[in-house]
Amino acid sequence: MKQNWVAYYQAVEGRPPHETLLKALSIFDTEPLLDRPRFAVDLGCGDGRDTVELLRRGWRVLAIDREQNAFDRLLDRPIQRDLLQTQLMRFETLTLPQSIDLINASFCLPFCQPADFPHLWETIVTSLNPGGYFCGQLFGDRDSWTVYPDRTHHTREQIQVLLKSFEIEWFDEEEHPGVTALGEEKHWHIFHIVARKRD
């Protein structure tokens, strides 16, 4: 199923940062300050609802998306551009710099092709600093989008294996009928994750 990203960006315009990001940032708030801006990657940044919050807090951000329209909308917002880099890139060919403090992936990783997901996840894990954080969502095996072969879904047990290099700070499983941002009926099965890479 091809996603209408322009319509999606219009539907979610003005929404606040995702809860997983805010939980991760609240942990960083308790840690000692560094002599440099912290560095985050916002995967699947969309129109920038999470990127904007990171920039507002003085983070240096690499925002990655596969849709040019996402960056057009992000750069229309009042942001501190000197802290921002953008990169047009698909998950299937994702490369990341090293020494990342936080990788944020809000509701985007399930849109990676299943055959490419192991490389994507390995790239995320190896690019994070020891003590760095991952926050975001994975979709479960009872989500109604499992019928689409180009989406990646996981069982709870599979996610626990993915997170073997991490200490779990917050893990919440959500399952219920609902609708998408575009008003389509959907059965949601989501895992919300905030996790710290072990030293």
Protein backbone atom coordinates (compact mmCIF):
# COMPACT_ATOMS: atom_id res chain seq x y z
CA MET A 1 0.00 0.00 0.00
CA LYS A 2 1.44 3.38 -1.02
CA GLN A 3 1.24 5.97 1.73
CA ASN A 4 -0.03 9.47 0.88
CA TRP A 5 2.60 11.37 2.83
CA VAL A 6 1.49 14.86 1.77
CA ALA A 7 -2.01 14.22 3.09
CA TYR A 8 -0.52 12.70 6.26
CA TYR A 9 1.67 15.76 6.93
CA GLN A 10 -1.36 18.00 6.52
CA ALA A 11 -3.40 15.83 8.90
CA VAL A 12 -0.82 15.88 11.70
CA GLU A 13 0.28 19.50 11.30
CA GLY A 14 0.65 21.26 14.64
CA ARG A 15 0.73 18.12 16.77
CA PRO A 16 3.13 18.13 19.75
CA PRO A 17 6.32 16.04 20.06
CA HIS A 18 5.82 12.31 20.61
CA GLU A 19 5.70 11.02 24.18
CA THR A 20 8.62 8.63 23.65
CA LEU A 21 10.87 11.54 22.67
CA LEU A 22 9.77 13.63 25.63
CA LYS A 23 10.45 10.73 28.00
CA ALA A 24 13.95 10.28 26.57
CA LEU A 25 14.67 14.01 26.82
CA SER A 26 13.51 14.06 30.43
CA ILE A 27 16.20 11.45 31.19
CA PHE A 28 18.87 13.55 29.50
CA ASP A 29 17.73 16.50 31.63
CA THR A 30 18.93 14.59 34.72
CA GLU A 31 22.40 13.90 33.28
CA PRO A 32 25.45 16.18 33.54
CA LEU A 33 25.82 18.83 30.86
CA LEU A 34 28.39 18.25 28.13
CA ASP A 35 30.85 20.78 26.72
CA ARG A 36 29.14 20.39 23.34
CA PRO A 37 25.57 20.23 22.04
CA ARG A 38 24.14 16.74 22.23
CA PHE A 39 23.64 15.06 18.85
CA ALA A 40 20.38 13.41 17.77
CA VAL A 41 19.22 11.69 14.60
CA ASP A 42 15.51 11.99 13.84
CA LEU A 43 14.64 9.10 11.52
CA GLY A 44 11.54 9.56 9.41
CA CYS A 45 11.37 13.12 10.66
CA GLY A 46 8.28 14.05 8.66
CA ASP A 47 7.29 17.68 9.03
CA GLY A 48 9.54 17.96 12.08
CA ARG A 49 7.34 17.77 15.15
CA ASP A 50 10.16 16.01 17.05
CA THR A 51 13.06 17.74 15.27
CA VAL A 52 11.70 21.15 16.28
CA GLU A 53 11.60 20.12 19.95
CA LEU A 54 15.18 18.85 19.84
CA LEU A 55 16.38 22.09 18.23
CA ARG A 56 14.44 24.14 20.78
CA ARG A 57 16.40 22.39 23.53
CA GLY A 58 19.74 23.15 21.87
CA TRP A 59 20.42 19.75 20.35
CA ARG A 60 22.30 19.31 17.08
CA VAL A 61 19.99 17.30 14.80
CA LEU A 62 20.38 15.24 11.64
CA ALA A 63 16.83 14.88 10.28
CA ILE A 64 16.36 12.03 7.79
CA ASP A 65 13.36 11.30 5.60
CA ARG A 66 12.68 9.79 2.19
CA GLU A 67 10.18 12.51 1.22
CA GLN A 68 11.41 15.90 0.02
CA ASN A 69 8.04 17.34 1.02
CA ALA A 70 8.91 16.57 4.64
CA PHE A 71 11.93 18.86 4.49
CA ASP A 72 9.98 21.54 2.63
CA ARG A 73 7.52 21.64 5.52
CA LEU A 74 10.21 21.40 8.21
CA LEU A 75 12.25 24.27 6.77
CA ASP A 76 9.12 26.44 6.64
CA ARG A 77 8.99 26.32 10.43
CA PRO A 78 10.76 28.80 12.74
CA ILE A 79 13.83 26.77 13.70
CA GLN A 80 17.48 27.25 14.59
CA ARG A 81 18.96 26.18 11.27
CA ASP A 82 22.59 26.28 12.32
CA LEU A 83 21.99 23.17 14.48
CA LEU A 84 20.12 21.27 11.75
CA GLN A 85 21.26 19.00 8.93
CA THR A 86 18.79 17.25 6.62
CA GLN A 87 19.37 14.16 4.53
CA LEU A 88 17.06 12.65 1.93
CA MET A 89 17.50 8.90 2.37
CA ARG A 90 15.52 5.67 2.37
CA PHE A 91 15.79 3.15 5.21
CA GLU A 92 16.93 0.50 2.72
CA THR A 93 20.17 2.43 2.13
CA LEU A 94 20.53 4.07 5.54
CA THR A 95 23.97 5.06 6.71
CA LEU A 96 24.56 7.03 9.91
CA PRO A 97 27.48 8.88 11.45
CA GLN A 98 28.99 7.51 14.65
CA SER A 99 28.80 8.97 18.17
CA ILE A 100 25.07 9.67 18.27
CA ASP A 101 23.54 10.49 21.67
CA LEU A 102 19.92 9.83 20.68
CA ILE A 103 18.17 8.14 17.76
CA ASN A 104 14.51 9.05 17.55
CA ALA A 105 12.26 6.93 15.30
CA SER A 106 8.64 7.92 15.85
CA PHE A 107 6.22 5.62 14.00
CA CYS A 108 8.59 5.20 11.04
CA LEU A 109 10.54 1.92 11.38
CA PRO A 110 7.56 -0.30 10.39
CA PHE A 111 7.72 1.32 6.93
CA CYS A 112 11.06 -0.37 6.27
CA GLN A 113 10.91 -3.38 3.95
CA PRO A 114 11.15 -6.57 6.09
CA ALA A 115 14.21 -7.84 4.19
CA ASP A 116 16.05 -4.59 4.95
CA PHE A 117 15.08 -4.25 8.61
CA PRO A 118 18.00 -6.26 10.10
CA HIS A 119 20.52 -3.92 8.40
CA LEU A 120 18.53 -0.87 9.50
CA TRP A 121 18.44 -2.01 13.13
CA GLU A 122 22.14 -2.94 13.15
CA THR A 123 22.94 0.53 11.81
CA ILE A 124 20.92 2.11 14.62
CA VAL A 125 22.59 0.04 17.34
CA THR A 126 26.17 0.46 16.13
CA SER A 127 25.84 4.22 15.54
CA LEU A 128 24.67 5.02 19.06
CA ASN A 129 27.19 6.02 21.71
CA PRO A 130 27.43 3.69 24.71
CA GLY A 131 24.91 5.20 27.08
CA GLY A 132 23.01 6.71 24.17
CA TYR A 133 19.27 6.28 23.75
CA PHE A 134 16.83 4.90 21.22
CA CYS A 135 13.22 6.04 21.35
CA GLY A 136 10.36 5.26 19.03
CA GLN A 137 7.79 2.68 18.02
CA LEU A 138 7.62 -0.77 16.48
CA PHE A 139 4.38 -2.35 15.27
CA GLY A 140 3.24 -5.68 16.66
CA ASP A 141 2.19 -8.88 14.95
CA ARG A 142 -1.52 -8.27 15.61
CA ASP A 143 -1.56 -4.87 13.91
CA SER A 144 -3.94 -4.79 10.93
CA TRP A 145 -1.18 -3.53 8.62
CA THR A 146 0.51 -6.94 8.74
CA VAL A 147 -1.41 -7.68 5.51
CA TYR A 148 0.96 -5.35 3.63
CA PRO A 149 4.16 -7.19 2.62
CA ASP A 150 6.23 -3.98 2.55
CA ARG A 151 5.73 -3.32 6.30
CA THR A 152 7.76 -4.74 9.17
CA HIS A 153 6.03 -6.11 12.28
CA HIS A 154 7.40 -7.87 15.36
CA THR A 155 6.22 -10.09 18.18
CA ARG A 156 6.97 -9.01 21.73
CA GLU A 157 9.61 -11.75 21.92
CA GLN A 158 11.30 -10.54 18.74
CA ILE A 159 11.48 -7.00 20.11
CA GLN A 160 13.07 -8.28 23.31
CA VAL A 161 15.81 -9.84 21.14
CA LEU A 162 16.27 -6.57 19.22
CA LEU A 163 16.75 -4.76 22.53
CA LYS A 164 19.34 -7.16 23.96
CA SER A 165 22.03 -4.45 23.74
CA PHE A 166 19.85 -2.00 25.68
CA GLU A 167 18.52 -1.32 29.14
CA ILE A 168 14.79 -0.63 28.93
CA GLU A 169 13.75 2.72 30.40
CA TRP A 170 10.13 2.62 29.18
CA PHE A 171 8.27 -0.10 27.30
CA ASP A 172 4.54 0.10 26.67
CA GLU A 173 2.43 -2.26 24.56
CA GLU A 174 -0.73 -0.72 23.13
CA GLU A 175 -3.48 -2.63 21.31
CA HIS A 176 -6.91 -1.36 20.36
CA PRO A 177 -9.18 -0.55 17.40
CA GLY A 178 -8.91 3.01 16.16
CA VAL A 179 -8.28 5.20 13.14
CA THR A 180 -5.22 6.51 11.34
CA ALA A 181 -4.35 10.20 11.04
CA LEU A 182 -6.19 10.11 7.71
CA GLY A 183 -9.34 8.72 9.32
CA GLU A 184 -9.01 5.12 8.11
CA GLU A 185 -10.13 2.36 10.47
CA LYS A 186 -7.22 0.33 11.81
CA HIS A 187 -6.42 -2.16 14.56
CA TRP A 188 -3.35 -0.78 16.31
CA HIS A 189 -0.73 -2.98 17.94
CA ILE A 190 2.20 -0.77 18.92
CA PHE A 191 5.25 -1.03 21.16
CA HIS A 192 6.47 2.31 22.54
CA ILE A 193 10.15 2.13 23.49
CA VAL A 194 12.72 4.23 25.30
CA ALA A 195 15.98 2.31 25.80
CA ARG A 196 19.59 3.05 26.76
CA LYS A 197 22.45 1.34 24.95
CA ARG A 198 24.61 -0.50 27.44
CA ASP A 199 28.11 0.85 28.08
